[in-house]
Amino acid sequence: MNFNTWGPFEFSGTDRNTWKSEFWQQVSAQEEAYGWPPHRVRNAIGCYMFATKRGDQYKPWYIGQTRAQKGFEGEIFERHKLDHYEASLEAAKRTSGYIFLFPLITGGDDWRFSTARQTGKNLIDWLEKMLIGMALSKNTELRNLRDTLFLKNVWVEGLFGDQTPGRPAYPAAEARKALL
């Protein structure tokens, strides 16, 4: 039960006739560099993240998951997702974004991309929620709505949620040291 990290793959929403094929060419190049068989990542299941970049800092804007029969290829470029990406690029005043893929990996010493769409459901759901929580800590304008109610509204002093200005109390500061 592992996930691999792929990317970042540049995504430019300026010319839809070429960006999708250019995106998958980048994925294929990384597959080749890592010695994976071609076109396997596009059919894998797992989670993905759309982000923008300023300098060397990424800002996440959308987290998603796929268990679709066509894997990432059938999911990450649906119209609904493209709307999120384009709105994110506008908000960030950028013309390019980046997509990270987190495919589910199976096998011991012989790793391969999982196709366990049903048995992998809970694990993929869990990873998506974890990634959403991490992304919200970097960008409160994250475009995800589902599974964000508690993440956006629960406050724990010194750890997460809207924090009051100034130094947190000693117990909160110590808890922060222990956890972050």
C-alpha atoms as a PDB file:
ATOM      1  CA  MET A   1       0.000   0.000   0.000  1.00  0.00           C
ATOM      2  CA  ASN A   2       2.239   2.734  -1.304  1.00  0.00           C
ATOM      3  CA  PHE A   3       1.918   5.743  -3.518  1.00  0.00           C
ATOM      4  CA  ASN A   4       4.588   7.013  -5.854  1.00  0.00           C
ATOM      5  CA  THR A   5       5.078  10.709  -6.735  1.00  0.00           C
ATOM      6  CA  TRP A   6       5.306  11.806 -10.372  1.00  0.00           C
ATOM      7  CA  GLY A   7       5.880  15.285 -11.716  1.00  0.00           C
ATOM      8  CA  PRO A   8       5.814  18.146 -11.617  1.00  0.00           C
ATOM      9  CA  PHE A   9       4.429  18.223 -15.145  1.00  0.00           C
ATOM     10  CA  GLU A  10       3.916  21.641 -16.648  1.00  0.00           C
ATOM     11  CA  PHE A  11       0.380  22.415 -17.716  1.00  0.00           C
ATOM     12  CA  SER A  12      -0.273  25.410 -19.942  1.00  0.00           C
ATOM     13  CA  GLY A  13      -3.918  26.238 -20.526  1.00  0.00           C
ATOM     14  CA  THR A  14      -3.202  28.688 -23.337  1.00  0.00           C
ATOM     15  CA  ASP A  15      -3.481  26.317 -26.326  1.00  0.00           C
ATOM     16  CA  ARG A  16      -5.772  23.353 -25.738  1.00  0.00           C
ATOM     17  CA  ASN A  17      -4.866  21.761 -29.057  1.00  0.00           C
ATOM     18  CA  THR A  18      -1.294  21.081 -27.947  1.00  0.00           C
ATOM     19  CA  TRP A  19      -1.060  21.179 -24.137  1.00  0.00           C
ATOM     20  CA  LYS A  20      -2.695  17.812 -23.503  1.00  0.00           C
ATOM     21  CA  SER A  21      -0.332  15.917 -25.809  1.00  0.00           C
ATOM     22  CA  GLU A  22       2.639  17.904 -24.464  1.00  0.00           C
ATOM     23  CA  PHE A  23       1.574  16.984 -20.922  1.00  0.00           C
ATOM     24  CA  TRP A  24       1.500  13.250 -21.707  1.00  0.00           C
ATOM     25  CA  GLN A  25       4.856  13.547 -23.500  1.00  0.00           C
ATOM     26  CA  GLN A  26       6.321  14.872 -20.244  1.00  0.00           C
ATOM     27  CA  VAL A  27       4.815  11.930 -18.362  1.00  0.00           C
ATOM     28  CA  SER A  28       6.230   9.468 -20.926  1.00  0.00           C
ATOM     29  CA  ALA A  29       9.674  11.073 -20.641  1.00  0.00           C
ATOM     30  CA  GLN A  30       9.619  10.606 -16.857  1.00  0.00           C
ATOM     31  CA  GLU A  31       8.464   6.994 -17.275  1.00  0.00           C
ATOM     32  CA  GLU A  32      11.403   6.379 -19.595  1.00  0.00           C
ATOM     33  CA  ALA A  33      13.836   8.101 -17.213  1.00  0.00           C
ATOM     34  CA  TYR A  34      12.695   5.849 -14.343  1.00  0.00           C
ATOM     35  CA  GLY A  35      12.667   2.706 -16.476  1.00  0.00           C
ATOM     36  CA  TRP A  36       8.900   2.183 -16.299  1.00  0.00           C
ATOM     37  CA  PRO A  37       7.044   0.755 -19.315  1.00  0.00           C
ATOM     38  CA  PRO A  38       5.465   3.509 -21.446  1.00  0.00           C
ATOM     39  CA  HIS A  39       1.900   4.752 -20.937  1.00  0.00           C
ATOM     40  CA  ARG A  40       1.403   3.022 -17.598  1.00  0.00           C
ATOM     41  CA  VAL A  41       1.093   6.140 -15.436  1.00  0.00           C
ATOM     42  CA  ARG A  42      -1.746   7.562 -17.533  1.00  0.00           C
ATOM     43  CA  ASN A  43      -3.809   4.426 -16.812  1.00  0.00           C
ATOM     44  CA  ALA A  44      -2.930   4.265 -13.093  1.00  0.00           C
ATOM     45  CA  ILE A  45      -5.321   5.095 -10.247  1.00  0.00           C
ATOM     46  CA  GLY A  46      -4.571   7.376  -7.313  1.00  0.00           C
ATOM     47  CA  CYS A  47      -4.562  11.091  -6.511  1.00  0.00           C
ATOM     48  CA  TYR A  48      -3.361  14.208  -8.300  1.00  0.00           C
ATOM     49  CA  MET A  49      -2.662  17.847  -7.488  1.00  0.00           C
ATOM     50  CA  PHE A  50      -2.796  21.000  -9.571  1.00  0.00           C
ATOM     51  CA  ALA A  51      -0.472  23.786  -8.385  1.00  0.00           C
ATOM     52  CA  THR A  52       1.096  27.026  -9.522  1.00  0.00           C
ATOM     53  CA  LYS A  53       4.675  28.057  -8.862  1.00  0.00           C
ATOM     54  CA  ARG A  54       6.372  31.320  -7.923  1.00  0.00           C
ATOM     55  CA  GLY A  55      10.133  31.080  -7.713  1.00  0.00           C
ATOM     56  CA  ASP A  56      10.760  27.673  -6.189  1.00  0.00           C
ATOM     57  CA  GLN A  57       7.531  27.593  -4.126  1.00  0.00           C
ATOM     58  CA  TYR A  58       4.475  25.638  -5.273  1.00  0.00           C
ATOM     59  CA  LYS A  59       0.974  26.696  -4.309  1.00  0.00           C
ATOM     60  CA  PRO A  60      -1.627  23.897  -4.474  1.00  0.00           C
ATOM     61  CA  TRP A  61      -5.021  24.797  -5.937  1.00  0.00           C
ATOM     62  CA  TYR A  62      -6.882  21.537  -6.448  1.00  0.00           C
ATOM     63  CA  ILE A  63      -6.581  17.952  -5.214  1.00  0.00           C
ATOM     64  CA  GLY A  64      -8.419  15.106  -6.923  1.00  0.00           C
ATOM     65  CA  GLN A  65      -8.518  11.352  -7.170  1.00  0.00           C
ATOM     66  CA  THR A  66      -9.258   8.771  -9.791  1.00  0.00           C
ATOM     67  CA  ARG A  67     -10.340   5.187  -9.761  1.00  0.00           C
ATOM     68  CA  ALA A  68     -11.717   5.520 -13.301  1.00  0.00           C
ATOM     69  CA  GLN A  69     -11.226   2.698 -15.791  1.00  0.00           C
ATOM     70  CA  LYS A  70      -9.000   5.008 -17.870  1.00  0.00           C
ATOM     71  CA  GLY A  71      -7.077   6.151 -14.778  1.00  0.00           C
ATOM     72  CA  PHE A  72      -5.479   9.600 -14.717  1.00  0.00           C
ATOM     73  CA  GLU A  73      -5.951  10.006 -18.461  1.00  0.00           C
ATOM     74  CA  GLY A  74      -9.713   9.658 -18.110  1.00  0.00           C
ATOM     75  CA  GLU A  75      -9.983  11.958 -15.105  1.00  0.00           C
ATOM     76  CA  ILE A  76      -7.569  14.870 -14.841  1.00  0.00           C
ATOM     77  CA  PHE A  77      -8.635  16.660 -18.031  1.00  0.00           C
ATOM     78  CA  GLU A  78     -12.425  16.493 -17.638  1.00  0.00           C
ATOM     79  CA  ARG A  79     -14.184  19.813 -18.271  1.00  0.00           C
ATOM     80  CA  HIS A  80     -14.934  20.292 -14.551  1.00  0.00           C
ATOM     81  CA  LYS A  81     -11.245  19.861 -13.665  1.00  0.00           C
ATOM     82  CA  LEU A  82     -10.118  22.197 -16.447  1.00  0.00           C
ATOM     83  CA  ASP A  83     -12.436  24.866 -15.018  1.00  0.00           C
ATOM     84  CA  HIS A  84     -10.650  24.537 -11.664  1.00  0.00           C
ATOM     85  CA  TYR A  85      -7.226  24.739 -13.304  1.00  0.00           C
ATOM     86  CA  GLU A  86      -8.116  27.802 -15.389  1.00  0.00           C
ATOM     87  CA  ALA A  87      -9.653  29.619 -12.404  1.00  0.00           C
ATOM     88  CA  SER A  88      -6.528  28.799 -10.395  1.00  0.00           C
ATOM     89  CA  LEU A  89      -4.262  30.175 -13.108  1.00  0.00           C
ATOM     90  CA  GLU A  90      -6.322  33.376 -13.183  1.00  0.00           C
ATOM     91  CA  ALA A  91      -6.253  33.759  -9.408  1.00  0.00           C
ATOM     92  CA  ALA A  92      -2.504  33.179  -9.352  1.00  0.00           C
ATOM     93  CA  LYS A  93      -1.988  35.459 -12.375  1.00  0.00           C
ATOM     94  CA  ARG A  94      -0.065  32.664 -14.115  1.00  0.00           C
ATOM     95  CA  THR A  95      -0.218  31.109 -17.572  1.00  0.00           C
ATOM     96  CA  SER A  96       1.253  27.774 -16.483  1.00  0.00           C
ATOM     97  CA  GLY A  97       0.510  25.392 -13.699  1.00  0.00           C
ATOM     98  CA  TYR A  98       1.883  22.052 -12.642  1.00  0.00           C
ATOM     99  CA  ILE A  99       0.276  18.688 -12.103  1.00  0.00           C
ATOM    100  CA  PHE A 100       1.625  16.097  -9.695  1.00  0.00           C
ATOM    101  CA  LEU A 101       0.412  12.501  -9.897  1.00  0.00           C
ATOM    102  CA  PHE A 102       0.341  10.096  -6.954  1.00  0.00           C
ATOM    103  CA  PRO A 103      -0.361   6.635  -8.415  1.00  0.00           C
ATOM    104  CA  LEU A 104      -1.172   3.719  -6.127  1.00  0.00           C
ATOM    105  CA  ILE A 105       1.637   1.152  -6.211  1.00  0.00           C
ATOM    106  CA  THR A 106       1.255  -2.522  -5.420  1.00  0.00           C
ATOM    107  CA  GLY A 107       3.616  -5.449  -5.107  1.00  0.00           C
ATOM    108  CA  GLY A 108       6.580  -6.128  -2.862  1.00  0.00           C
ATOM    109  CA  ASP A 109       9.916  -6.119  -4.656  1.00  0.00           C
ATOM    110  CA  ASP A 110       8.150  -6.109  -8.021  1.00  0.00           C
ATOM    111  CA  TRP A 111       6.327  -2.779  -7.896  1.00  0.00           C
ATOM    112  CA  ARG A 112       3.615  -2.025 -10.418  1.00  0.00           C
ATOM    113  CA  PHE A 113       0.730   0.404 -10.733  1.00  0.00           C
ATOM    114  CA  SER A 114      -2.355  -0.867  -8.974  1.00  0.00           C
ATOM    115  CA  THR A 115      -5.628  -1.467 -10.795  1.00  0.00           C
ATOM    116  CA  ALA A 116      -7.505  -2.408  -7.604  1.00  0.00           C
ATOM    117  CA  ARG A 117     -10.288   0.118  -8.128  1.00  0.00           C
ATOM    118  CA  GLN A 118     -12.547  -1.295  -5.413  1.00  0.00           C
ATOM    119  CA  THR A 119     -10.059  -2.481  -2.809  1.00  0.00           C
ATOM    120  CA  GLY A 120      -7.964   0.679  -3.271  1.00  0.00           C
ATOM    121  CA  LYS A 121     -10.970   2.982  -2.703  1.00  0.00           C
ATOM    122  CA  ASN A 122     -10.503   3.575   1.037  1.00  0.00           C
ATOM    123  CA  LEU A 123      -6.770   4.106   0.676  1.00  0.00           C
ATOM    124  CA  ILE A 124      -7.185   6.582  -2.204  1.00  0.00           C
ATOM    125  CA  ASP A 125      -9.964   8.406  -0.288  1.00  0.00           C
ATOM    126  CA  TRP A 126      -7.659   8.670   2.730  1.00  0.00           C
ATOM    127  CA  LEU A 127      -4.747  10.036   0.677  1.00  0.00           C
ATOM    128  CA  GLU A 128      -6.985  12.603  -1.030  1.00  0.00           C
ATOM    129  CA  LYS A 129      -8.169  13.908   2.374  1.00  0.00           C
ATOM    130  CA  MET A 130      -4.589  14.042   3.678  1.00  0.00           C
ATOM    131  CA  LEU A 131      -3.432  15.947   0.596  1.00  0.00           C
ATOM    132  CA  ILE A 132      -6.393  18.344   0.864  1.00  0.00           C
ATOM    133  CA  GLY A 133      -5.454  19.075   4.491  1.00  0.00           C
ATOM    134  CA  MET A 134      -1.839  19.684   3.569  1.00  0.00           C
ATOM    135  CA  ALA A 135      -2.834  21.852   0.600  1.00  0.00           C
ATOM    136  CA  LEU A 136      -5.198  23.960   2.720  1.00  0.00           C
ATOM    137  CA  SER A 137      -2.328  24.736   5.070  1.00  0.00           C
ATOM    138  CA  LYS A 138      -0.504  26.337   2.110  1.00  0.00           C
ATOM    139  CA  ASN A 139      -3.484  27.857   0.290  1.00  0.00           C
ATOM    140  CA  THR A 140      -6.748  28.810   1.995  1.00  0.00           C
ATOM    141  CA  GLU A 141      -8.199  29.501  -1.474  1.00  0.00           C
ATOM    142  CA  LEU A 142      -7.973  25.806  -2.407  1.00  0.00           C
ATOM    143  CA  ARG A 143     -10.742  25.056  -4.915  1.00  0.00           C
ATOM    144  CA  ASN A 144     -11.820  21.770  -3.320  1.00  0.00           C
ATOM    145  CA  LEU A 145     -15.174  21.938  -1.568  1.00  0.00           C
ATOM    146  CA  ARG A 146     -15.866  18.315  -0.627  1.00  0.00           C
ATOM    147  CA  ASP A 147     -14.191  17.078   2.560  1.00  0.00           C
ATOM    148  CA  THR A 148     -13.043  20.566   3.577  1.00  0.00           C
ATOM    149  CA  LEU A 149     -15.747  21.642   6.085  1.00  0.00           C
ATOM    150  CA  PHE A 150     -13.802  20.630   9.205  1.00  0.00           C
ATOM    151  CA  LEU A 151     -10.430  21.465   7.692  1.00  0.00           C
ATOM    152  CA  LYS A 152     -11.583  25.027   6.975  1.00  0.00           C
ATOM    153  CA  ASN A 153     -13.584  25.632  10.157  1.00  0.00           C
ATOM    154  CA  VAL A 154     -11.935  23.783  13.041  1.00  0.00           C
ATOM    155  CA  TRP A 155      -9.355  25.735  14.980  1.00  0.00           C
ATOM    156  CA  VAL A 156      -6.653  24.348  17.261  1.00  0.00           C
ATOM    157  CA  GLU A 157      -4.499  27.015  18.889  1.00  0.00           C
ATOM    158  CA  GLY A 158      -1.006  27.105  17.432  1.00  0.00           C
ATOM    159  CA  LEU A 159      -1.628  24.213  15.036  1.00  0.00           C
ATOM    160  CA  PHE A 160      -4.254  24.958  12.392  1.00  0.00           C
ATOM    161  CA  GLY A 161      -7.174  27.165  11.496  1.00  0.00           C
ATOM    162  CA  ASP A 162      -7.177  30.955  11.608  1.00  0.00           C
ATOM    163  CA  GLN A 163      -4.639  31.900  14.257  1.00  0.00           C
ATOM    164  CA  THR A 164      -4.748  34.996  16.425  1.00  0.00           C
ATOM    165  CA  PRO A 165      -1.811  37.359  16.000  1.00  0.00           C
ATOM    166  CA  GLY A 166       1.062  37.005  18.419  1.00  0.00           C
ATOM    167  CA  ARG A 167       2.812  34.143  20.080  1.00  0.00           C
ATOM    168  CA  PRO A 168       0.653  31.125  20.998  1.00  0.00           C
ATOM    169  CA  ALA A 169       0.436  30.082  24.636  1.00  0.00           C
ATOM    170  CA  TYR A 170       3.153  27.742  25.951  1.00  0.00           C
ATOM    171  CA  PRO A 171       1.095  24.511  25.602  1.00  0.00           C
ATOM    172  CA  ALA A 172       0.177  25.346  21.989  1.00  0.00           C
ATOM    173  CA  ALA A 173       3.778  26.239  21.152  1.00  0.00           C
ATOM    174  CA  GLU A 174       5.014  22.949  22.613  1.00  0.00           C
ATOM    175  CA  ALA A 175       2.344  20.946  20.762  1.00  0.00           C
ATOM    176  CA  ARG A 176       3.393  22.703  17.557  1.00  0.00           C
ATOM    177  CA  LYS A 177       7.020  21.671  18.142  1.00  0.00           C
ATOM    178  CA  ALA A 178       5.914  18.088  18.655  1.00  0.00           C
ATOM    179  CA  LEU A 179       3.709  17.901  15.556  1.00  0.00           C
ATOM    180  CA  LEU A 180       5.075  20.276  12.937  1.00  0.00           C
END
